[in-house]
Amino acid sequence: QLQLVESGGGLVQPGGSLRLSCAASGFTLEHYAIGWFRQVPGKEREGVSCISSSGRTTTYADSVKGRFTISRDDAKNTVYLQMNSLKPEDTAVYYCNAASFRGNYWGQGTQVTVSS
């Protein structure tokens, strides 16, 4: 079964940090570009960050630039999103996506709540 599984979400105070993981099973992430997205109820899913299949190119939404870092460890078949200086407006369900000509896969999401 081909799937992505996100983990690492939770409740954190403003200014805190979390590291999200996106692990693949049933296929290798090596040839896929990976994106992190987030969604809050009543709003459209928005792109947060993405990393190329080579890992050499990363992009970030303006709202997270300088606070979030995306990385990949193909040996572990996992992509990470390090989130620092978290703000209440970062609260959302975070999803990872793997995309290439081979296919397009989404995880089930992990909840991140930033609140005091």
Protein backbone atom coordinates (compact mmCIF):
# COMPACT_ATOMS: atom_id res chain seq x y z
CA GLN A 1 0.00 0.00 0.00
CA LEU A 2 1.41 3.37 -1.04
CA GLN A 3 0.97 6.04 1.59
CA LEU A 4 2.40 9.07 3.32
CA VAL A 5 2.13 9.44 7.08
CA GLU A 6 2.63 12.75 8.86
CA SER A 7 3.58 12.95 12.52
CA GLY A 8 4.95 15.41 15.03
CA GLY A 9 1.99 17.72 15.42
CA GLY A 10 0.63 18.80 18.77
CA LEU A 11 -0.05 21.69 21.09
CA VAL A 12 2.70 24.25 21.57
CA GLN A 13 2.90 27.71 23.09
CA PRO A 14 3.58 30.77 20.95
CA GLY A 15 7.27 31.04 20.27
CA GLY A 16 7.75 27.31 20.57
CA SER A 17 8.94 24.74 18.04
CA LEU A 18 7.76 21.54 16.46
CA ARG A 19 9.24 19.22 13.87
CA LEU A 20 6.85 17.50 11.52
CA SER A 21 7.79 14.31 9.72
CA CYS A 22 6.39 12.88 6.51
CA ALA A 23 7.28 9.24 6.03
CA ALA A 24 6.53 7.20 2.94
CA SER A 25 5.67 3.54 2.83
CA GLY A 26 5.27 1.37 -0.22
CA PHE A 27 7.36 3.69 -2.39
CA THR A 28 10.54 5.72 -2.24
CA LEU A 29 10.50 9.51 -1.98
CA GLU A 30 13.80 9.83 -3.79
CA HIS A 31 12.31 10.95 -7.12
CA TYR A 32 9.51 13.08 -5.72
CA ALA A 33 9.21 16.75 -4.99
CA ILE A 34 7.64 17.14 -1.55
CA GLY A 35 5.39 19.89 -0.36
CA TRP A 36 3.95 20.82 2.99
CA PHE A 37 0.49 22.38 3.02
CA ARG A 38 -1.84 23.50 5.78
CA GLN A 39 -5.54 24.05 6.14
CA VAL A 40 -7.85 25.58 8.70
CA PRO A 41 -11.61 24.96 8.73
CA GLY A 42 -13.44 27.11 6.23
CA LYS A 43 -10.33 28.07 4.31
CA GLU A 44 -8.54 26.68 1.30
CA ARG A 45 -5.46 24.55 1.70
CA GLU A 46 -2.36 26.69 1.33
CA GLY A 47 1.20 25.86 0.43
CA VAL A 48 3.76 26.25 3.18
CA SER A 49 7.01 24.92 1.78
CA CYS A 50 8.38 22.54 -0.80
CA ILE A 51 11.63 20.82 -1.64
CA SER A 52 12.81 19.49 -4.97
CA SER A 53 13.59 15.84 -5.56
CA SER A 54 17.31 16.62 -5.44
CA GLY A 55 16.93 18.62 -2.24
CA ARG A 56 18.81 21.52 -3.79
CA THR A 57 15.81 23.81 -4.15
CA THR A 58 13.47 24.87 -1.38
CA THR A 59 10.70 27.43 -1.32
CA TYR A 60 8.64 28.94 1.47
CA ALA A 61 5.47 30.93 1.83
CA ASP A 62 6.17 34.50 2.91
CA SER A 63 4.30 33.87 6.14
CA VAL A 64 6.77 31.21 7.30
CA LYS A 65 10.00 32.37 5.69
CA GLY A 66 12.80 32.56 8.23
CA ARG A 67 10.90 30.44 10.75
CA PHE A 68 10.31 27.11 8.98
CA THR A 69 12.89 24.84 7.39
CA ILE A 70 12.14 21.92 5.07
CA SER A 71 14.61 19.08 4.65
CA ARG A 72 14.70 15.55 3.37
CA ASP A 73 16.50 12.35 4.34
CA ASP A 74 16.07 9.93 1.47
CA ALA A 75 17.91 7.22 3.39
CA LYS A 76 15.07 7.34 5.91
CA ASN A 77 12.46 7.95 3.22
CA THR A 78 11.28 10.94 5.23
CA VAL A 79 10.83 14.66 4.79
CA TYR A 80 10.81 17.09 7.70
CA LEU A 81 9.40 20.50 8.46
CA GLN A 82 11.15 22.25 11.33
CA MET A 83 8.88 24.97 12.65
CA ASN A 84 10.32 27.59 14.99
CA SER A 85 8.92 30.78 16.51
CA LEU A 86 5.43 29.43 16.08
CA LYS A 87 2.51 31.84 16.09
CA PRO A 88 -1.19 31.27 16.78
CA GLU A 89 -1.88 31.86 13.09
CA ASP A 90 0.21 28.77 12.29
CA THR A 91 -2.55 26.66 13.83
CA ALA A 92 -3.84 24.26 11.16
CA VAL A 93 -3.83 20.70 9.94
CA TYR A 94 -0.57 20.15 8.11
CA TYR A 95 -0.38 17.81 5.13
CA CYS A 96 2.52 16.55 3.06
CA ASN A 97 2.32 15.83 -0.64
CA ALA A 98 4.66 13.83 -2.87
CA ALA A 99 4.50 14.61 -6.57
CA SER A 100 6.22 13.37 -9.70
CA PHE A 101 5.26 11.92 -13.05
CA ARG A 102 5.05 8.61 -11.16
CA GLY A 103 2.14 9.79 -9.08
CA ASN A 104 0.72 12.24 -6.57
CA TYR A 105 0.17 11.27 -2.94
CA TRP A 106 -1.24 12.99 0.15
CA GLY A 107 -0.93 12.13 3.79
CA GLN A 108 -3.80 12.19 6.26
CA GLY A 109 -2.59 15.32 8.06
CA THR A 110 -1.36 16.19 11.52
CA GLN A 111 -2.86 18.88 13.75
CA VAL A 112 -0.69 21.75 14.92
CA THR A 113 -2.17 24.04 17.56
CA VAL A 114 -0.30 27.12 18.78
CA SER A 115 -1.92 28.52 21.88
CA SER A 116 -1.08 29.71 25.36
